[in-house]
Protein backbone atom coordinates (compact mmCIF):
# COMPACT_ATOMS: atom_id res chain seq x y z
CA MET A 1 63.77 -42.74 -165.07
CA ILE A 2 61.03 -45.39 -164.93
CA LEU A 3 61.16 -45.59 -161.15
CA GLU A 4 61.08 -41.80 -160.87
CA LEU A 5 57.97 -41.67 -163.06
CA LEU A 6 56.27 -44.39 -161.01
CA SER A 7 57.23 -42.55 -157.84
CA ALA A 8 55.66 -39.39 -159.26
CA GLY A 9 52.38 -41.25 -159.71
CA TYR A 10 52.58 -42.13 -163.39
CA SER A 11 50.71 -45.29 -164.37
CA PHE A 12 52.23 -47.91 -166.64
CA LYS A 13 49.86 -46.72 -169.35
CA ARG A 14 50.98 -43.09 -168.99
CA ILE A 15 54.67 -44.06 -169.08
CA ILE A 16 54.14 -46.15 -172.22
CA LYS A 17 52.24 -43.27 -173.83
CA ALA A 18 55.16 -40.92 -173.09
CA TYR A 19 57.76 -43.50 -174.14
CA PRO A 20 56.14 -45.71 -176.80
CA SER A 21 59.25 -47.87 -177.20
CA LEU A 22 58.71 -49.18 -173.64
CA THR A 23 56.45 -52.10 -172.87
CA GLU A 24 54.70 -53.12 -169.68
CA GLU A 25 57.29 -55.89 -169.38
CA ASP A 26 60.09 -53.29 -169.54
CA ILE A 27 58.55 -51.35 -166.66
CA LYS A 28 58.06 -54.50 -164.58
CA ALA A 29 61.67 -55.47 -165.28
CA ALA A 30 62.88 -52.09 -164.00
CA VAL A 31 60.86 -52.51 -160.81
CA ASP A 32 62.07 -56.09 -160.34
CA TYR A 33 65.68 -55.00 -160.81
CA ALA A 34 65.28 -52.21 -158.23
CA VAL A 35 63.76 -54.67 -155.75
CA LYS A 36 66.73 -57.02 -156.15
CA ILE A 37 69.20 -54.17 -155.60
CA VAL A 38 67.38 -52.74 -152.56
CA ARG A 39 66.80 -56.15 -151.01
CA ASN A 40 70.54 -56.46 -150.39
CA GLU A 41 70.89 -53.00 -148.87
CA GLU A 42 70.73 -52.23 -145.19
CA ALA A 43 68.83 -49.20 -143.98
CA PHE A 44 70.33 -47.13 -141.21
CA GLU A 45 68.10 -44.66 -139.46
CA ASN A 46 69.40 -42.01 -137.12
CA VAL A 47 72.97 -43.24 -137.39
CA ALA A 48 74.56 -39.80 -137.13
CA PRO A 49 73.45 -39.11 -133.52
CA GLN A 50 74.96 -42.42 -132.42
CA ILE A 51 78.25 -41.71 -134.16
CA LEU A 52 78.52 -38.30 -132.55
CA LYS A 53 78.29 -39.67 -129.00
C-alpha cells in the first residue's frame, strides 16, 4: 500500500495524514524493504520473442 501511494505521487506527509499511525520511519522502512527485494531480482525484457524462435 505504501509503495502504491508513493507511486501515485503521494508525499510522505500526505500518506501520514491519511494514515496517522504511520511514521516517516515506517514509510522509509517500506521503501528500503522493497529495494532489498528488487535488488535480488533479474529483469527480463522482450523474453517472449526469443522463446518463440
